[in-house]
Amino acid sequence: MPKSEPPNEVQVKRAAELREWLESKIEELETELQKLKDMQLVVDSELRRSSFVPATELKGQDVSRAAEPEKNPTSPNQVAKSTEEPRQLRRSKDGLLIANAFITPAKLVVIPASDVKLSQTIPPFQTFFVNRILKGYESKDQELVATGKLNQAEALSYAVEEKDGMISRVVVNNYRDKSRLNEILSTVNWAMTRMLEKK
């Protein structure tokens, strides 16, 4: 039998490129799986908060309506809750507090916990959370503005503020609907969790 020829340089290079692609794909799928798990936690939390209201009843509700107090609308405590809702973002594996979120019908503010020091240069903050999620929503809203379907004042905008080179807060204006709010919260939670792992 003829001896098999050793792989040439082109084959080795191609195999190396395929391996690199496979590793990248595996990491991408693992990231997507973790994001789905985080989103599932958010959905479960929302179901618990709404006392398992059927999805048919939830469909079509906007954020402002969902925030309206159900009973005794004149109660000062309930009015305050409808104005600003605090929420804690925690790491799923051990419950570590990562950030506090403050939600109003018009704005979301995310402030990292005092002991969480993260630079926005650490992946995947810019690469995924900012570029894909926030800029994605911003771009869609600008398309609606361009076609006259949305006022510029109602379009999503965002800002990432820093102090001493570390993220001090993330502000998102005009997220507009609950599905966007939930995705932004779950994604920033996931992104900061990954950033802590890479520090």
C-alpha atoms as a PDB file:
ATOM      1  CA  MET A   1       0.000   0.000   0.000  1.00  0.00           C
ATOM      2  CA  PRO A   2       1.287   3.477  -0.815  1.00  0.00           C
ATOM      3  CA  LYS A   3       2.269   5.486   2.180  1.00  0.00           C
ATOM      4  CA  SER A   4      -0.082   8.347   3.036  1.00  0.00           C
ATOM      5  CA  GLU A   5       1.559  11.686   2.440  1.00  0.00           C
ATOM      6  CA  PRO A   6       1.943  13.981   5.457  1.00  0.00           C
ATOM      7  CA  PRO A   7      -0.498  16.890   5.453  1.00  0.00           C
ATOM      8  CA  ASN A   8       0.865  19.857   3.603  1.00  0.00           C
ATOM      9  CA  GLU A   9       1.044  23.387   4.944  1.00  0.00           C
ATOM     10  CA  VAL A  10      -2.279  24.379   3.344  1.00  0.00           C
ATOM     11  CA  GLN A  11      -4.142  21.489   5.018  1.00  0.00           C
ATOM     12  CA  VAL A  12      -2.595  22.271   8.406  1.00  0.00           C
ATOM     13  CA  LYS A  13      -3.552  25.930   8.080  1.00  0.00           C
ATOM     14  CA  ARG A  14      -7.089  25.030   7.055  1.00  0.00           C
ATOM     15  CA  ALA A  15      -7.417  22.607   9.999  1.00  0.00           C
ATOM     16  CA  ALA A  16      -6.173  25.309  12.377  1.00  0.00           C
ATOM     17  CA  GLU A  17      -8.698  27.778  10.964  1.00  0.00           C
ATOM     18  CA  LEU A  18     -11.510  25.216  11.327  1.00  0.00           C
ATOM     19  CA  ARG A  19     -10.498  24.525  14.916  1.00  0.00           C
ATOM     20  CA  GLU A  20     -10.494  28.251  15.675  1.00  0.00           C
ATOM     21  CA  TRP A  21     -13.930  28.594  14.067  1.00  0.00           C
ATOM     22  CA  LEU A  22     -15.262  25.637  16.067  1.00  0.00           C
ATOM     23  CA  GLU A  23     -13.948  27.067  19.343  1.00  0.00           C
ATOM     24  CA  SER A  24     -15.524  30.416  18.505  1.00  0.00           C
ATOM     25  CA  LYS A  25     -18.829  28.743  17.618  1.00  0.00           C
ATOM     26  CA  ILE A  26     -18.834  26.700  20.843  1.00  0.00           C
ATOM     27  CA  GLU A  27     -18.183  29.818  22.899  1.00  0.00           C
ATOM     28  CA  GLU A  28     -20.940  31.652  21.020  1.00  0.00           C
ATOM     29  CA  LEU A  29     -23.436  28.849  21.681  1.00  0.00           C
ATOM     30  CA  GLU A  30     -22.423  28.642  25.342  1.00  0.00           C
ATOM     31  CA  THR A  31     -22.916  32.398  25.615  1.00  0.00           C
ATOM     32  CA  GLU A  32     -26.327  32.125  23.977  1.00  0.00           C
ATOM     33  CA  LEU A  33     -27.298  29.272  26.307  1.00  0.00           C
ATOM     34  CA  GLN A  34     -26.274  31.277  29.373  1.00  0.00           C
ATOM     35  CA  LYS A  35     -28.226  34.266  28.097  1.00  0.00           C
ATOM     36  CA  LEU A  36     -31.312  32.105  27.573  1.00  0.00           C
ATOM     37  CA  LYS A  37     -30.980  30.767  31.114  1.00  0.00           C
ATOM     38  CA  ASP A  38     -30.686  34.308  32.466  1.00  0.00           C
ATOM     39  CA  MET A  39     -33.718  35.387  30.468  1.00  0.00           C
ATOM     40  CA  GLN A  40     -35.629  32.391  31.823  1.00  0.00           C
ATOM     41  CA  LEU A  41     -34.856  33.598  35.341  1.00  0.00           C
ATOM     42  CA  VAL A  42     -36.195  37.033  34.426  1.00  0.00           C
ATOM     43  CA  VAL A  43     -39.383  35.518  32.988  1.00  0.00           C
ATOM     44  CA  ASP A  44     -39.864  33.363  36.086  1.00  0.00           C
ATOM     45  CA  SER A  45     -39.367  36.408  38.276  1.00  0.00           C
ATOM     46  CA  GLU A  46     -41.927  38.391  36.277  1.00  0.00           C
ATOM     47  CA  LEU A  47     -44.431  35.546  36.554  1.00  0.00           C
ATOM     48  CA  ARG A  48     -43.986  35.443  40.304  1.00  0.00           C
ATOM     49  CA  ARG A  49     -44.312  39.218  40.573  1.00  0.00           C
ATOM     50  CA  SER A  50     -47.542  39.159  38.585  1.00  0.00           C
ATOM     51  CA  SER A  51     -48.960  36.245  40.598  1.00  0.00           C
ATOM     52  CA  PHE A  52     -49.009  34.073  37.468  1.00  0.00           C
ATOM     53  CA  VAL A  53     -51.358  36.278  35.470  1.00  0.00           C
ATOM     54  CA  PRO A  54     -52.182  34.398  32.237  1.00  0.00           C
ATOM     55  CA  ALA A  55     -50.097  35.433  29.252  1.00  0.00           C
ATOM     56  CA  THR A  56     -53.248  36.380  27.346  1.00  0.00           C
ATOM     57  CA  GLU A  57     -53.958  39.017  29.968  1.00  0.00           C
ATOM     58  CA  LEU A  58     -50.384  40.289  30.003  1.00  0.00           C
ATOM     59  CA  LYS A  59     -50.178  40.593  26.222  1.00  0.00           C
ATOM     60  CA  GLY A  60     -50.573  44.121  25.020  1.00  0.00           C
ATOM     61  CA  GLN A  61     -49.994  45.766  28.394  1.00  0.00           C
ATOM     62  CA  ASP A  62     -47.486  48.598  28.268  1.00  0.00           C
ATOM     63  CA  VAL A  63     -45.002  49.431  31.007  1.00  0.00           C
ATOM     64  CA  SER A  64     -46.957  52.373  32.379  1.00  0.00           C
ATOM     65  CA  ARG A  65     -50.145  50.341  32.696  1.00  0.00           C
ATOM     66  CA  ALA A  66     -48.311  47.452  34.348  1.00  0.00           C
ATOM     67  CA  ALA A  67     -46.882  49.882  36.866  1.00  0.00           C
ATOM     68  CA  GLU A  68     -50.279  51.278  37.896  1.00  0.00           C
ATOM     69  CA  PRO A  69     -51.301  50.318  41.448  1.00  0.00           C
ATOM     70  CA  GLU A  70     -54.066  47.738  41.431  1.00  0.00           C
ATOM     71  CA  LYS A  71     -55.739  48.755  44.667  1.00  0.00           C
ATOM     72  CA  ASN A  72     -56.122  51.944  46.661  1.00  0.00           C
ATOM     73  CA  PRO A  73     -54.523  54.207  44.022  1.00  0.00           C
ATOM     74  CA  THR A  74     -54.302  57.083  46.486  1.00  0.00           C
ATOM     75  CA  SER A  75     -51.874  55.190  48.736  1.00  0.00           C
ATOM     76  CA  PRO A  76     -48.560  57.152  48.867  1.00  0.00           C
ATOM     77  CA  ASN A  77     -46.492  53.953  49.016  1.00  0.00           C
ATOM     78  CA  GLN A  78     -48.129  52.525  45.898  1.00  0.00           C
ATOM     79  CA  VAL A  79     -47.776  55.791  43.986  1.00  0.00           C
ATOM     80  CA  ALA A  80     -44.058  55.910  44.860  1.00  0.00           C
ATOM     81  CA  LYS A  81     -43.629  52.314  43.679  1.00  0.00           C
ATOM     82  CA  SER A  82     -45.254  53.110  40.337  1.00  0.00           C
ATOM     83  CA  THR A  83     -42.852  56.045  39.913  1.00  0.00           C
ATOM     84  CA  GLU A  84     -39.602  54.159  40.516  1.00  0.00           C
ATOM     85  CA  GLU A  85     -39.100  50.429  40.892  1.00  0.00           C
ATOM     86  CA  PRO A  86     -35.778  49.218  42.335  1.00  0.00           C
ATOM     87  CA  ARG A  87     -34.492  45.834  41.253  1.00  0.00           C
ATOM     88  CA  GLN A  88     -31.373  43.875  42.199  1.00  0.00           C
ATOM     89  CA  LEU A  89     -29.252  42.158  39.561  1.00  0.00           C
ATOM     90  CA  ARG A  90     -27.510  39.098  40.983  1.00  0.00           C
ATOM     91  CA  ARG A  91     -25.135  36.439  39.695  1.00  0.00           C
ATOM     92  CA  SER A  92     -27.203  33.298  39.162  1.00  0.00           C
ATOM     93  CA  LYS A  93     -24.688  30.760  40.507  1.00  0.00           C
ATOM     94  CA  ASP A  94     -24.199  32.292  43.978  1.00  0.00           C
ATOM     95  CA  GLY A  95     -26.553  35.257  44.321  1.00  0.00           C
ATOM     96  CA  LEU A  96     -23.737  37.836  44.380  1.00  0.00           C
ATOM     97  CA  LEU A  97     -25.159  41.361  44.032  1.00  0.00           C
ATOM     98  CA  ILE A  98     -23.802  42.762  40.784  1.00  0.00           C
ATOM     99  CA  ALA A  99     -25.850  45.925  40.344  1.00  0.00           C
ATOM    100  CA  ASN A 100     -28.966  47.803  41.377  1.00  0.00           C
ATOM    101  CA  ALA A 101     -31.470  48.878  38.742  1.00  0.00           C
ATOM    102  CA  PHE A 102     -33.914  51.753  39.138  1.00  0.00           C
ATOM    103  CA  ILE A 103     -36.838  51.659  36.730  1.00  0.00           C
ATOM    104  CA  THR A 104     -39.391  54.283  35.763  1.00  0.00           C
ATOM    105  CA  PRO A 105     -41.755  54.149  32.775  1.00  0.00           C
ATOM    106  CA  ALA A 106     -39.354  56.435  30.872  1.00  0.00           C
ATOM    107  CA  LYS A 107     -35.900  55.516  32.124  1.00  0.00           C
ATOM    108  CA  LEU A 108     -33.695  52.670  33.353  1.00  0.00           C
ATOM    109  CA  VAL A 109     -30.623  53.348  35.485  1.00  0.00           C
ATOM    110  CA  VAL A 110     -28.203  50.530  36.347  1.00  0.00           C
ATOM    111  CA  ILE A 111     -25.609  51.205  39.060  1.00  0.00           C
ATOM    112  CA  PRO A 112     -22.929  48.560  39.781  1.00  0.00           C
ATOM    113  CA  ALA A 113     -22.684  47.382  43.389  1.00  0.00           C
ATOM    114  CA  SER A 114     -20.099  49.246  45.476  1.00  0.00           C
ATOM    115  CA  ASP A 115     -17.627  46.354  45.385  1.00  0.00           C
ATOM    116  CA  VAL A 116     -18.066  45.674  41.660  1.00  0.00           C
ATOM    117  CA  LYS A 117     -15.407  47.621  39.757  1.00  0.00           C
ATOM    118  CA  LEU A 118     -15.604  47.042  36.015  1.00  0.00           C
ATOM    119  CA  SER A 119     -14.158  48.842  33.007  1.00  0.00           C
ATOM    120  CA  GLN A 120     -16.339  48.962  29.929  1.00  0.00           C
ATOM    121  CA  THR A 121     -13.338  47.764  27.917  1.00  0.00           C
ATOM    122  CA  ILE A 122     -13.745  44.259  29.416  1.00  0.00           C
ATOM    123  CA  PRO A 123     -15.675  41.941  27.023  1.00  0.00           C
ATOM    124  CA  PRO A 124     -18.509  41.408  26.423  1.00  0.00           C
ATOM    125  CA  PHE A 125     -19.728  44.834  27.656  1.00  0.00           C
ATOM    126  CA  GLN A 126     -18.991  46.841  24.520  1.00  0.00           C
ATOM    127  CA  THR A 127     -18.985  43.962  22.039  1.00  0.00           C
ATOM    128  CA  PHE A 128     -22.335  42.511  23.033  1.00  0.00           C
ATOM    129  CA  PHE A 129     -24.307  44.617  25.512  1.00  0.00           C
ATOM    130  CA  VAL A 130     -23.600  48.032  23.974  1.00  0.00           C
ATOM    131  CA  ASN A 131     -23.021  47.227  20.306  1.00  0.00           C
ATOM    132  CA  ARG A 132     -25.637  44.514  19.826  1.00  0.00           C
ATOM    133  CA  ILE A 133     -28.363  45.311  22.379  1.00  0.00           C
ATOM    134  CA  LEU A 134     -28.342  49.058  23.055  1.00  0.00           C
ATOM    135  CA  LYS A 135     -27.137  50.182  19.631  1.00  0.00           C
ATOM    136  CA  GLY A 136     -29.491  47.650  18.044  1.00  0.00           C
ATOM    137  CA  TYR A 137     -32.526  49.180  19.743  1.00  0.00           C
ATOM    138  CA  GLU A 138     -31.228  52.693  19.074  1.00  0.00           C
ATOM    139  CA  SER A 139     -30.839  51.904  15.371  1.00  0.00           C
ATOM    140  CA  LYS A 140     -34.355  50.431  15.120  1.00  0.00           C
ATOM    141  CA  ASP A 141     -35.839  53.514  16.757  1.00  0.00           C
ATOM    142  CA  GLN A 142     -33.949  55.837  14.414  1.00  0.00           C
ATOM    143  CA  GLU A 143     -35.420  53.912  11.487  1.00  0.00           C
ATOM    144  CA  LEU A 144     -38.891  54.543  12.932  1.00  0.00           C
ATOM    145  CA  VAL A 145     -38.044  58.226  13.366  1.00  0.00           C
ATOM    146  CA  ALA A 146     -36.848  58.423   9.755  1.00  0.00           C
ATOM    147  CA  THR A 147     -40.153  56.989   8.500  1.00  0.00           C
ATOM    148  CA  GLY A 148     -42.251  59.254  10.726  1.00  0.00           C
ATOM    149  CA  LYS A 149     -43.518  56.415  12.918  1.00  0.00           C
ATOM    150  CA  LEU A 150     -41.810  57.690  16.065  1.00  0.00           C
ATOM    151  CA  ASN A 151     -40.917  61.085  17.476  1.00  0.00           C
ATOM    152  CA  GLN A 152     -37.237  61.737  18.062  1.00  0.00           C
ATOM    153  CA  ALA A 153     -37.981  62.604  21.700  1.00  0.00           C
ATOM    154  CA  GLU A 154     -39.420  59.095  22.179  1.00  0.00           C
ATOM    155  CA  ALA A 155     -36.501  57.216  20.606  1.00  0.00           C
ATOM    156  CA  LEU A 156     -34.227  55.104  22.764  1.00  0.00           C
ATOM    157  CA  SER A 157     -30.958  56.700  23.836  1.00  0.00           C
ATOM    158  CA  TYR A 158     -28.318  55.561  26.295  1.00  0.00           C
ATOM    159  CA  ALA A 159     -25.198  56.667  28.136  1.00  0.00           C
ATOM    160  CA  VAL A 160     -22.456  54.758  29.936  1.00  0.00           C
ATOM    161  CA  GLU A 161     -20.958  56.914  32.675  1.00  0.00           C
ATOM    162  CA  GLU A 162     -17.559  56.285  34.264  1.00  0.00           C
ATOM    163  CA  LYS A 163     -15.736  57.280  37.436  1.00  0.00           C
ATOM    164  CA  ASP A 164     -12.003  56.686  37.753  1.00  0.00           C
ATOM    165  CA  GLY A 165     -12.113  54.540  34.611  1.00  0.00           C
ATOM    166  CA  MET A 166     -14.834  52.253  35.966  1.00  0.00           C
ATOM    167  CA  ILE A 167     -18.510  52.030  35.029  1.00  0.00           C
ATOM    168  CA  SER A 168     -20.479  54.179  37.490  1.00  0.00           C
ATOM    169  CA  ARG A 169     -23.880  53.811  35.875  1.00  0.00           C
ATOM    170  CA  VAL A 170     -25.717  52.941  32.684  1.00  0.00           C
ATOM    171  CA  VAL A 171     -28.686  55.107  31.722  1.00  0.00           C
ATOM    172  CA  VAL A 172     -31.229  54.005  29.119  1.00  0.00           C
ATOM    173  CA  ASN A 173     -33.931  56.498  28.147  1.00  0.00           C
ATOM    174  CA  ASN A 174     -37.159  55.536  26.364  1.00  0.00           C
ATOM    175  CA  TYR A 175     -36.852  51.756  26.474  1.00  0.00           C
ATOM    176  CA  ARG A 176     -40.626  52.024  25.830  1.00  0.00           C
ATOM    177  CA  ASP A 177     -41.821  48.441  26.360  1.00  0.00           C
ATOM    178  CA  LYS A 178     -41.445  45.667  28.892  1.00  0.00           C
ATOM    179  CA  SER A 179     -39.793  43.159  26.551  1.00  0.00           C
ATOM    180  CA  ARG A 180     -36.989  45.628  25.820  1.00  0.00           C
ATOM    181  CA  LEU A 181     -36.610  46.405  29.511  1.00  0.00           C
ATOM    182  CA  ASN A 182     -36.320  42.728  30.408  1.00  0.00           C
ATOM    183  CA  GLU A 183     -33.780  42.000  27.679  1.00  0.00           C
ATOM    184  CA  ILE A 184     -31.626  44.982  28.659  1.00  0.00           C
ATOM    185  CA  LEU A 185     -31.684  43.949  32.322  1.00  0.00           C
ATOM    186  CA  SER A 186     -30.934  40.280  31.645  1.00  0.00           C
ATOM    187  CA  THR A 187     -28.173  41.142  29.174  1.00  0.00           C
ATOM    188  CA  VAL A 188     -26.382  43.666  31.387  1.00  0.00           C
ATOM    189  CA  ASN A 189     -26.589  41.147  34.244  1.00  0.00           C
ATOM    190  CA  TRP A 190     -25.105  38.425  32.035  1.00  0.00           C
ATOM    191  CA  ALA A 191     -22.452  40.767  30.599  1.00  0.00           C
ATOM    192  CA  MET A 192     -21.284  41.958  34.014  1.00  0.00           C
ATOM    193  CA  THR A 193     -21.215  38.371  35.282  1.00  0.00           C
ATOM    194  CA  ARG A 194     -18.889  37.418  32.436  1.00  0.00           C
ATOM    195  CA  MET A 195     -16.787  40.528  33.017  1.00  0.00           C
ATOM    196  CA  LEU A 196     -16.247  39.564  36.653  1.00  0.00           C
ATOM    197  CA  GLU A 197     -15.062  36.140  35.519  1.00  0.00           C
ATOM    198  CA  LYS A 198     -12.503  37.724  33.189  1.00  0.00           C
ATOM    199  CA  LYS A 199     -11.037  40.144  35.739  1.00  0.00           C
END
